[in-house]
Amino acid sequence: MRNVPVSEFKDKASELIAAAERGEEIVITRHGKPTVRLIAVAEGVDLQKRREALEGLAKLREDMRARGVSVSIEEAIAWKNEGRR
């Protein structure tokens, strides 16, 4: 998270918006106090659900490794694409 005064935001708006689009959180301050948070809009993506899904995949991976099961990248991609036909 980066704090930026309003005066700097006015001068570097395009640069700061691009940083937010890359996932950085920008907090715009006025007189040193946070007033606005600039974050990218995730089109059609619920960030909480995405985070939970990634955590679930990480747990699955750990469980599989504990059982000595390995999966190739090609197999994982095939599984992912199964529901897209």
Protein backbone atom coordinates (compact mmCIF):
# COMPACT_ATOMS: atom_id res chain seq x y z
CA MET A 1 0.00 0.00 0.00
CA ARG A 2 1.34 3.37 -0.99
CA ASN A 3 0.26 6.70 0.53
CA VAL A 4 0.12 9.61 -1.90
CA PRO A 5 -0.84 13.24 -1.17
CA VAL A 6 -3.61 14.75 -3.31
CA SER A 7 -1.15 17.14 -4.96
CA GLU A 8 1.03 14.22 -6.11
CA PHE A 9 -2.02 12.30 -7.27
CA LYS A 10 -3.05 15.22 -9.49
CA ASP A 11 0.41 15.25 -11.09
CA LYS A 12 0.75 11.47 -11.49
CA ALA A 13 -2.85 10.27 -11.88
CA SER A 14 -2.20 8.09 -14.94
CA GLU A 15 0.85 6.45 -13.37
CA LEU A 16 -0.98 5.77 -10.09
CA ILE A 17 -4.06 4.37 -11.87
CA ALA A 18 -1.78 2.02 -13.83
CA ALA A 19 -0.20 0.88 -10.55
CA ALA A 20 -3.67 0.19 -9.12
CA GLU A 21 -4.57 -1.80 -12.24
CA ARG A 22 -1.48 -3.95 -11.59
CA GLY A 23 -2.86 -4.72 -8.12
CA GLU A 24 -1.21 -2.08 -5.97
CA GLU A 25 -3.38 -0.29 -3.42
CA ILE A 26 -2.97 3.49 -3.41
CA VAL A 27 -4.21 5.57 -0.47
CA ILE A 28 -4.68 9.24 -1.29
CA THR A 29 -4.12 11.53 1.65
CA ARG A 30 -5.17 15.09 2.45
CA HIS A 31 -3.09 16.89 5.06
CA GLY A 32 -1.49 13.57 5.95
CA LYS A 33 -4.79 11.80 6.65
CA PRO A 34 -6.09 8.94 4.45
CA THR A 35 -9.17 10.03 2.50
CA VAL A 36 -9.49 7.78 -0.57
CA ARG A 37 -8.36 4.27 -1.47
CA LEU A 38 -7.61 3.59 -5.14
CA ILE A 39 -7.90 -0.05 -6.19
CA ALA A 40 -8.60 -1.78 -9.48
CA VAL A 41 -12.10 -2.92 -10.32
CA ALA A 42 -12.19 -6.66 -10.84
CA GLU A 43 -14.67 -7.21 -13.65
CA GLY A 44 -16.91 -10.12 -12.78
CA VAL A 45 -14.46 -11.49 -10.23
CA ASP A 46 -15.31 -11.75 -6.58
CA LEU A 47 -11.89 -11.33 -5.00
CA GLN A 48 -12.92 -13.10 -1.79
CA LYS A 49 -14.16 -16.14 -3.72
CA ARG A 50 -10.99 -16.15 -5.80
CA ARG A 51 -8.83 -16.01 -2.66
CA GLU A 52 -10.81 -18.88 -1.10
CA ALA A 53 -10.47 -20.94 -4.28
CA LEU A 54 -6.71 -20.42 -4.35
CA GLU A 55 -6.44 -21.37 -0.68
CA GLY A 56 -8.46 -24.52 -1.41
CA LEU A 57 -6.13 -25.42 -4.28
CA ALA A 58 -3.09 -24.92 -2.07
CA LYS A 59 -4.61 -27.22 0.58
CA LEU A 60 -5.43 -29.84 -2.06
CA ARG A 61 -1.86 -29.68 -3.33
CA GLU A 62 -0.49 -30.18 0.20
CA ASP A 63 -2.85 -33.13 0.80
CA MET A 64 -1.83 -34.76 -2.49
CA ARG A 65 1.86 -34.31 -1.73
CA ALA A 66 1.37 -35.83 1.74
CA ARG A 67 -0.14 -38.92 0.09
CA GLY A 68 2.72 -39.09 -2.43
CA VAL A 69 0.51 -38.23 -5.41
CA SER A 70 1.95 -36.05 -8.14
CA VAL A 71 0.14 -34.40 -11.02
CA SER A 72 1.75 -33.00 -14.14
CA ILE A 73 0.97 -29.54 -15.43
CA GLU A 74 -0.67 -31.11 -18.48
CA GLU A 75 -3.00 -33.19 -16.28
CA ALA A 76 -3.95 -30.16 -14.19
CA ILE A 77 -4.71 -28.13 -17.34
CA ALA A 78 -6.79 -30.99 -18.74
CA TRP A 79 -8.80 -31.16 -15.49
CA LYS A 80 -9.34 -27.40 -15.59
CA ASN A 81 -10.55 -27.52 -19.19
CA GLU A 82 -12.90 -30.50 -18.68
CA GLY A 83 -15.81 -28.29 -17.69
CA ARG A 84 -15.33 -25.88 -20.58
CA ARG A 85 -16.44 -28.11 -23.44
